[in-house]
């Protein structure tokens, strides 16, 4: 969040000092981050209109809060599921969105689509890194996977991620990949449910999981 005015800059710097009277929950780390995001040499107005300043500040702080909450939720999923979270999270989403009678098919479709979604999320996360467009320019798609493997192994990538940014980048890529898996799993499960439901227009439930397509009447085999 870059600073919008000199008055805002002074206020946030003052809010980090001991003895500040106010309810602003702002750390020195936040202020340093906003200083980096403010273009150097840019002449800021002393004040902006109170309404505009309030709306901008509330919007920026809201986005920061939402990102932190989302990151915390993703960390919780990873911690709960461990290394298997990449399998059960998209499978569970696919099973739920497939609808009654198609949970098994939805889970399988979610697992496959989640894998593809994870790859896409990983690529999006890499493209979002500073300097990524220039780094990947002219390189094949396999370069994204190779770079992700290198970062996942705890190795810096010269020209893209240095050693000091490695931990932060690894966490961001884990989140991007898991979000891709969640989205892909949900889409795969929903699509499977719609496809199988279209072949079973009366909504009859199969007796055995997985028999909705081949045996829409749910007849038990002899």
C-alpha atoms as a PDB file:
ATOM      1  CA  UNK A   1       0.000   0.000   0.000  1.00  0.00           C
ATOM      2  CA  UNK A   2       1.897   3.126  -1.123  1.00  0.00           C
ATOM      3  CA  UNK A   3       1.438   6.327   0.835  1.00  0.00           C
ATOM      4  CA  UNK A   4      -1.101   8.761  -0.626  1.00  0.00           C
ATOM      5  CA  UNK A   5       0.016  11.943   1.163  1.00  0.00           C
ATOM      6  CA  UNK A   6       2.703  13.297   3.463  1.00  0.00           C
ATOM      7  CA  UNK A   7       0.175  13.599   6.281  1.00  0.00           C
ATOM      8  CA  UNK A   8      -0.621   9.897   5.979  1.00  0.00           C
ATOM      9  CA  UNK A   9       3.075   9.027   6.002  1.00  0.00           C
ATOM     10  CA  UNK A  10       3.668  11.078   9.162  1.00  0.00           C
ATOM     11  CA  UNK A  11       0.640   9.569  10.878  1.00  0.00           C
ATOM     12  CA  UNK A  12       1.691   5.962  10.229  1.00  0.00           C
ATOM     13  CA  UNK A  13       5.263   6.627  11.323  1.00  0.00           C
ATOM     14  CA  UNK A  14       3.962   8.249  14.507  1.00  0.00           C
ATOM     15  CA  UNK A  15       1.604   5.314  15.131  1.00  0.00           C
ATOM     16  CA  UNK A  16       4.564   2.957  15.518  1.00  0.00           C
ATOM     17  CA  UNK A  17       6.170   5.009  18.272  1.00  0.00           C
ATOM     18  CA  UNK A  18       5.719   4.071  21.961  1.00  0.00           C
ATOM     19  CA  UNK A  19       3.093   6.129  23.732  1.00  0.00           C
ATOM     20  CA  UNK A  20       1.008   6.799  20.593  1.00  0.00           C
ATOM     21  CA  UNK A  21      -2.571   7.507  21.587  1.00  0.00           C
ATOM     22  CA  UNK A  22      -4.899   5.808  19.195  1.00  0.00           C
ATOM     23  CA  UNK A  23      -6.214   2.403  18.167  1.00  0.00           C
ATOM     24  CA  UNK A  24      -4.180   2.016  14.970  1.00  0.00           C
ATOM     25  CA  UNK A  25      -2.671  -1.498  14.933  1.00  0.00           C
ATOM     26  CA  UNK A  26       0.344  -0.753  12.737  1.00  0.00           C
ATOM     27  CA  UNK A  27       3.850  -2.174  13.049  1.00  0.00           C
ATOM     28  CA  UNK A  28       7.175  -0.758  11.914  1.00  0.00           C
ATOM     29  CA  UNK A  29       7.389  -3.662   9.471  1.00  0.00           C
ATOM     30  CA  UNK A  30       4.168  -2.468   7.797  1.00  0.00           C
ATOM     31  CA  UNK A  31       5.453   1.101   7.531  1.00  0.00           C
ATOM     32  CA  UNK A  32       8.747  -0.037   5.997  1.00  0.00           C
ATOM     33  CA  UNK A  33       6.820  -2.111   3.466  1.00  0.00           C
ATOM     34  CA  UNK A  34       4.658   0.872   2.504  1.00  0.00           C
ATOM     35  CA  UNK A  35       7.778   3.038   2.169  1.00  0.00           C
ATOM     36  CA  UNK A  36       9.204   0.519  -0.306  1.00  0.00           C
ATOM     37  CA  UNK A  37       5.934   0.482  -2.257  1.00  0.00           C
ATOM     38  CA  UNK A  38       5.848   4.289  -2.511  1.00  0.00           C
ATOM     39  CA  UNK A  39       7.732   5.378  -5.664  1.00  0.00           C
ATOM     40  CA  UNK A  40      11.007   7.054  -4.733  1.00  0.00           C
ATOM     41  CA  UNK A  41      11.183  10.705  -5.651  1.00  0.00           C
ATOM     42  CA  UNK A  42       7.425  10.995  -6.069  1.00  0.00           C
ATOM     43  CA  UNK A  43       6.127  14.257  -4.623  1.00  0.00           C
ATOM     44  CA  UNK A  44       3.103  13.498  -2.504  1.00  0.00           C
ATOM     45  CA  UNK A  45       0.455  16.100  -1.692  1.00  0.00           C
ATOM     46  CA  UNK A  46       0.379  17.287   1.895  1.00  0.00           C
ATOM     47  CA  UNK A  47      -3.257  16.192   2.203  1.00  0.00           C
ATOM     48  CA  UNK A  48      -5.912  14.462   0.118  1.00  0.00           C
ATOM     49  CA  UNK A  49      -9.625  14.791   0.666  1.00  0.00           C
ATOM     50  CA  UNK A  50     -10.660  13.082   3.900  1.00  0.00           C
ATOM     51  CA  UNK A  51     -13.297  10.970   2.204  1.00  0.00           C
ATOM     52  CA  UNK A  52     -10.954   9.744  -0.531  1.00  0.00           C
ATOM     53  CA  UNK A  53      -8.171   9.068   1.949  1.00  0.00           C
ATOM     54  CA  UNK A  54     -10.482   7.102   4.232  1.00  0.00           C
ATOM     55  CA  UNK A  55     -11.873   5.000   1.377  1.00  0.00           C
ATOM     56  CA  UNK A  56      -8.401   4.226   0.021  1.00  0.00           C
ATOM     57  CA  UNK A  57      -6.974   3.383   3.425  1.00  0.00           C
ATOM     58  CA  UNK A  58      -9.938   1.180   4.358  1.00  0.00           C
ATOM     59  CA  UNK A  59      -9.749  -0.635   1.010  1.00  0.00           C
ATOM     60  CA  UNK A  60      -6.005  -1.244   1.250  1.00  0.00           C
ATOM     61  CA  UNK A  61      -6.171  -2.420   4.851  1.00  0.00           C
ATOM     62  CA  UNK A  62      -9.128  -4.657   3.988  1.00  0.00           C
ATOM     63  CA  UNK A  63      -7.187  -6.292   1.182  1.00  0.00           C
ATOM     64  CA  UNK A  64      -4.193  -6.842   3.445  1.00  0.00           C
ATOM     65  CA  UNK A  65      -6.427  -8.400   6.102  1.00  0.00           C
ATOM     66  CA  UNK A  66      -8.120 -10.670   3.540  1.00  0.00           C
ATOM     67  CA  UNK A  67      -4.766 -11.837   2.167  1.00  0.00           C
ATOM     68  CA  UNK A  68      -3.489 -12.602   5.660  1.00  0.00           C
ATOM     69  CA  UNK A  69      -6.670 -14.513   6.551  1.00  0.00           C
ATOM     70  CA  UNK A  70      -6.518 -16.523   3.318  1.00  0.00           C
ATOM     71  CA  UNK A  71      -2.842 -17.293   3.855  1.00  0.00           C
ATOM     72  CA  UNK A  72      -3.586 -18.411   7.414  1.00  0.00           C
ATOM     73  CA  UNK A  73      -6.391 -20.711   6.228  1.00  0.00           C
ATOM     74  CA  UNK A  74      -4.149 -22.283   3.583  1.00  0.00           C
ATOM     75  CA  UNK A  75      -1.397 -22.814   6.153  1.00  0.00           C
ATOM     76  CA  UNK A  76      -3.953 -24.537   8.415  1.00  0.00           C
ATOM     77  CA  UNK A  77      -5.018 -26.884   5.603  1.00  0.00           C
ATOM     78  CA  UNK A  78      -1.399 -27.761   4.866  1.00  0.00           C
ATOM     79  CA  UNK A  79      -0.623 -28.330   8.540  1.00  0.00           C
ATOM     80  CA  UNK A  80      -3.694 -30.512   9.073  1.00  0.00           C
ATOM     81  CA  UNK A  81      -3.314 -32.577   5.930  1.00  0.00           C
ATOM     82  CA  UNK A  82       0.471 -32.587   5.742  1.00  0.00           C
ATOM     83  CA  UNK A  83       1.882 -33.823   2.466  1.00  0.00           C
ATOM     84  CA  UNK A  84      -1.454 -35.494   1.656  1.00  0.00           C
ATOM     85  CA  UNK A  85      -3.366 -32.197   1.612  1.00  0.00           C
ATOM     86  CA  UNK A  86      -2.646 -31.907  -2.107  1.00  0.00           C
ATOM     87  CA  UNK A  87      -4.709 -35.085  -2.617  1.00  0.00           C
ATOM     88  CA  UNK A  88      -7.575 -34.956  -0.150  1.00  0.00           C
ATOM     89  CA  UNK A  89      -8.391 -31.234  -0.455  1.00  0.00           C
ATOM     90  CA  UNK A  90      -9.277 -31.281  -4.199  1.00  0.00           C
ATOM     91  CA  UNK A  91     -10.835 -34.752  -3.877  1.00  0.00           C
ATOM     92  CA  UNK A  92     -13.081 -33.580  -1.026  1.00  0.00           C
ATOM     93  CA  UNK A  93     -14.104 -30.474  -2.958  1.00  0.00           C
ATOM     94  CA  UNK A  94     -14.903 -32.560  -6.023  1.00  0.00           C
ATOM     95  CA  UNK A  95     -16.934 -35.073  -4.013  1.00  0.00           C
ATOM     96  CA  UNK A  96     -19.013 -32.335  -2.379  1.00  0.00           C
ATOM     97  CA  UNK A  97     -19.748 -30.398  -5.557  1.00  0.00           C
ATOM     98  CA  UNK A  98     -20.513 -33.494  -7.639  1.00  0.00           C
ATOM     99  CA  UNK A  99     -23.802 -33.831  -5.759  1.00  0.00           C
ATOM    100  CA  UNK A 100     -25.687 -36.793  -4.222  1.00  0.00           C
ATOM    101  CA  UNK A 101     -25.014 -40.141  -5.876  1.00  0.00           C
ATOM    102  CA  UNK A 102     -21.814 -39.048  -7.576  1.00  0.00           C
ATOM    103  CA  UNK A 103     -19.409 -38.481  -4.695  1.00  0.00           C
ATOM    104  CA  UNK A 104     -16.967 -41.163  -5.832  1.00  0.00           C
ATOM    105  CA  UNK A 105     -16.864 -39.922  -9.402  1.00  0.00           C
ATOM    106  CA  UNK A 106     -16.607 -36.343  -8.164  1.00  0.00           C
ATOM    107  CA  UNK A 107     -13.676 -37.202  -5.902  1.00  0.00           C
ATOM    108  CA  UNK A 108     -11.809 -38.881  -8.760  1.00  0.00           C
ATOM    109  CA  UNK A 109     -12.525 -36.016 -11.145  1.00  0.00           C
ATOM    110  CA  UNK A 110     -11.540 -33.523  -8.437  1.00  0.00           C
ATOM    111  CA  UNK A 111      -8.265 -35.348  -7.852  1.00  0.00           C
ATOM    112  CA  UNK A 112      -7.334 -35.220 -11.539  1.00  0.00           C
ATOM    113  CA  UNK A 113      -8.529 -31.662 -12.130  1.00  0.00           C
ATOM    114  CA  UNK A 114      -6.907 -30.582  -8.871  1.00  0.00           C
ATOM    115  CA  UNK A 115      -3.544 -31.833 -10.098  1.00  0.00           C
ATOM    116  CA  UNK A 116      -3.882 -29.779 -13.283  1.00  0.00           C
ATOM    117  CA  UNK A 117      -5.145 -26.794 -11.297  1.00  0.00           C
ATOM    118  CA  UNK A 118      -2.148 -27.033  -8.993  1.00  0.00           C
ATOM    119  CA  UNK A 119       0.226 -26.834 -11.952  1.00  0.00           C
ATOM    120  CA  UNK A 120      -1.656 -23.819 -13.278  1.00  0.00           C
ATOM    121  CA  UNK A 121      -1.650 -22.136  -9.857  1.00  0.00           C
ATOM    122  CA  UNK A 122       2.072 -22.758  -9.528  1.00  0.00           C
ATOM    123  CA  UNK A 123       2.716 -21.116 -12.905  1.00  0.00           C
ATOM    124  CA  UNK A 124       0.532 -18.140 -11.983  1.00  0.00           C
ATOM    125  CA  UNK A 125       2.399 -17.781  -8.693  1.00  0.00           C
ATOM    126  CA  UNK A 126       5.746 -17.795 -10.502  1.00  0.00           C
ATOM    127  CA  UNK A 127       4.541 -15.238 -13.035  1.00  0.00           C
ATOM    128  CA  UNK A 128       3.569 -12.969 -10.160  1.00  0.00           C
ATOM    129  CA  UNK A 129       7.131 -12.746  -8.876  1.00  0.00           C
ATOM    130  CA  UNK A 130       9.045  -9.554  -9.462  1.00  0.00           C
ATOM    131  CA  UNK A 131      11.074  -9.830 -12.657  1.00  0.00           C
ATOM    132  CA  UNK A 132       9.315 -13.050 -13.736  1.00  0.00           C
ATOM    133  CA  UNK A 133       8.144 -11.811 -17.193  1.00  0.00           C
ATOM    134  CA  UNK A 134      11.731 -11.048 -18.184  1.00  0.00           C
ATOM    135  CA  UNK A 135      13.114 -14.200 -16.538  1.00  0.00           C
ATOM    136  CA  UNK A 136      10.725 -16.583 -18.338  1.00  0.00           C
ATOM    137  CA  UNK A 137      10.655 -14.723 -21.659  1.00  0.00           C
ATOM    138  CA  UNK A 138      11.443 -17.095 -24.507  1.00  0.00           C
ATOM    139  CA  UNK A 139      11.682 -20.147 -22.218  1.00  0.00           C
ATOM    140  CA  UNK A 140       9.514 -23.283 -22.639  1.00  0.00           C
ATOM    141  CA  UNK A 141       6.709 -24.157 -20.241  1.00  0.00           C
ATOM    142  CA  UNK A 142       8.928 -26.775 -18.626  1.00  0.00           C
ATOM    143  CA  UNK A 143      11.020 -23.910 -17.213  1.00  0.00           C
ATOM    144  CA  UNK A 144       8.190 -23.088 -14.802  1.00  0.00           C
ATOM    145  CA  UNK A 145       8.192 -26.624 -13.389  1.00  0.00           C
ATOM    146  CA  UNK A 146      11.982 -26.724 -13.159  1.00  0.00           C
ATOM    147  CA  UNK A 147      12.047 -23.375 -11.359  1.00  0.00           C
ATOM    148  CA  UNK A 148       9.332 -24.510  -8.930  1.00  0.00           C
ATOM    149  CA  UNK A 149      11.325 -27.672  -8.155  1.00  0.00           C
ATOM    150  CA  UNK A 150      14.445 -25.613  -7.519  1.00  0.00           C
ATOM    151  CA  UNK A 151      12.612 -23.275  -5.148  1.00  0.00           C
ATOM    152  CA  UNK A 152      10.888 -26.187  -3.422  1.00  0.00           C
ATOM    153  CA  UNK A 153      14.293 -27.741  -2.765  1.00  0.00           C
ATOM    154  CA  UNK A 154      15.329 -24.567  -0.936  1.00  0.00           C
ATOM    155  CA  UNK A 155      17.613 -23.241  -3.652  1.00  0.00           C
ATOM    156  CA  UNK A 156      17.666 -19.613  -4.784  1.00  0.00           C
ATOM    157  CA  UNK A 157      17.140 -18.832  -8.465  1.00  0.00           C
ATOM    158  CA  UNK A 158      19.606 -16.185  -9.704  1.00  0.00           C
ATOM    159  CA  UNK A 159      17.796 -13.393 -11.477  1.00  0.00           C
ATOM    160  CA  UNK A 160      14.441 -14.248  -9.906  1.00  0.00           C
ATOM    161  CA  UNK A 161      14.626 -15.110  -6.179  1.00  0.00           C
ATOM    162  CA  UNK A 162      17.595 -14.479  -3.910  1.00  0.00           C
ATOM    163  CA  UNK A 163      18.389 -16.283  -0.662  1.00  0.00           C
ATOM    164  CA  UNK A 164      16.772 -13.652   1.578  1.00  0.00           C
ATOM    165  CA  UNK A 165      13.423 -13.927  -0.242  1.00  0.00           C
ATOM    166  CA  UNK A 166      13.433 -17.719  -0.509  1.00  0.00           C
ATOM    167  CA  UNK A 167      11.259 -18.553   2.513  1.00  0.00           C
ATOM    168  CA  UNK A 168       8.608 -15.967   1.660  1.00  0.00           C
ATOM    169  CA  UNK A 169       8.535 -17.081  -1.986  1.00  0.00           C
ATOM    170  CA  UNK A 170       8.196 -20.768  -1.063  1.00  0.00           C
ATOM    171  CA  UNK A 171       5.183 -20.000   1.131  1.00  0.00           C
ATOM    172  CA  UNK A 172       3.551 -17.881  -1.581  1.00  0.00           C
ATOM    173  CA  UNK A 173       4.023 -20.654  -4.162  1.00  0.00           C
ATOM    174  CA  UNK A 174       2.581 -23.278  -1.804  1.00  0.00           C
ATOM    175  CA  UNK A 175      -0.482 -21.098  -1.379  1.00  0.00           C
ATOM    176  CA  UNK A 176      -0.832 -20.471  -5.131  1.00  0.00           C
ATOM    177  CA  UNK A 177      -0.527 -24.182  -5.870  1.00  0.00           C
ATOM    178  CA  UNK A 178      -3.041 -25.194  -3.192  1.00  0.00           C
ATOM    179  CA  UNK A 179      -5.513 -22.563  -4.383  1.00  0.00           C
ATOM    180  CA  UNK A 180      -5.140 -23.965  -7.898  1.00  0.00           C
ATOM    181  CA  UNK A 181      -5.798 -27.465  -6.577  1.00  0.00           C
ATOM    182  CA  UNK A 182      -8.883 -26.325  -4.671  1.00  0.00           C
ATOM    183  CA  UNK A 183     -10.280 -24.508  -7.697  1.00  0.00           C
ATOM    184  CA  UNK A 184      -9.486 -27.363 -10.070  1.00  0.00           C
ATOM    185  CA  UNK A 185     -10.915 -29.981  -7.728  1.00  0.00           C
ATOM    186  CA  UNK A 186     -14.153 -28.055  -7.264  1.00  0.00           C
ATOM    187  CA  UNK A 187     -14.530 -27.481 -11.014  1.00  0.00           C
ATOM    188  CA  UNK A 188     -13.758 -31.123 -11.817  1.00  0.00           C
ATOM    189  CA  UNK A 189     -16.239 -32.477  -9.290  1.00  0.00           C
ATOM    190  CA  UNK A 190     -18.967 -30.071 -10.352  1.00  0.00           C
ATOM    191  CA  UNK A 191     -18.419 -30.927 -14.014  1.00  0.00           C
ATOM    192  CA  UNK A 192     -18.540 -34.657 -13.306  1.00  0.00           C
ATOM    193  CA  UNK A 193     -21.772 -34.289 -11.372  1.00  0.00           C
ATOM    194  CA  UNK A 194     -23.385 -32.253 -14.146  1.00  0.00           C
ATOM    195  CA  UNK A 195     -22.255 -34.694 -16.825  1.00  0.00           C
ATOM    196  CA  UNK A 196     -23.468 -37.800 -15.006  1.00  0.00           C
ATOM    197  CA  UNK A 197     -26.668 -36.068 -13.918  1.00  0.00           C
ATOM    198  CA  UNK A 198     -27.468 -35.225 -17.534  1.00  0.00           C
ATOM    199  CA  UNK A 199     -27.328 -38.953 -18.336  1.00  0.00           C
ATOM    200  CA  UNK A 200     -29.641 -39.678 -15.396  1.00  0.00           C
ATOM    201  CA  UNK A 201     -32.371 -37.027 -15.856  1.00  0.00           C
ATOM    202  CA  UNK A 202     -34.706 -38.556 -13.280  1.00  0.00           C
ATOM    203  CA  UNK A 203     -32.129 -38.232 -10.517  1.00  0.00           C
ATOM    204  CA  UNK A 204     -32.310 -41.922  -9.501  1.00  0.00           C
ATOM    205  CA  UNK A 205     -29.607 -42.827  -6.996  1.00  0.00           C
ATOM    206  CA  UNK A 206     -27.322 -45.756  -7.892  1.00  0.00           C
ATOM    207  CA  UNK A 207     -27.165 -48.618  -5.397  1.00  0.00           C
ATOM    208  CA  UNK A 208     -23.389 -48.864  -5.674  1.00  0.00           C
ATOM    209  CA  UNK A 209     -21.075 -45.827  -5.963  1.00  0.00           C
ATOM    210  CA  UNK A 210     -19.843 -45.339  -9.495  1.00  0.00           C
ATOM    211  CA  UNK A 211     -22.798 -47.087 -11.178  1.00  0.00           C
ATOM    212  CA  UNK A 212     -24.820 -43.976 -11.983  1.00  0.00           C
ATOM    213  CA  UNK A 213     -23.658 -43.778 -15.587  1.00  0.00           C
ATOM    214  CA  UNK A 214     -23.727 -47.438 -16.644  1.00  0.00           C
ATOM    215  CA  UNK A 215     -26.713 -48.443 -14.502  1.00  0.00           C
ATOM    216  CA  UNK A 216     -28.999 -45.400 -14.129  1.00  0.00           C
ATOM    217  CA  UNK A 217     -31.803 -47.519 -12.622  1.00  0.00           C
ATOM    218  CA  UNK A 218     -29.543 -48.721  -9.795  1.00  0.00           C
ATOM    219  CA  UNK A 219     -30.299 -52.406 -10.394  1.00  0.00           C
ATOM    220  CA  UNK A 220     -28.238 -54.825  -8.323  1.00  0.00           C
ATOM    221  CA  UNK A 221     -26.305 -57.405 -10.335  1.00  0.00           C
ATOM    222  CA  UNK A 222     -27.415 -61.030  -9.911  1.00  0.00           C
END
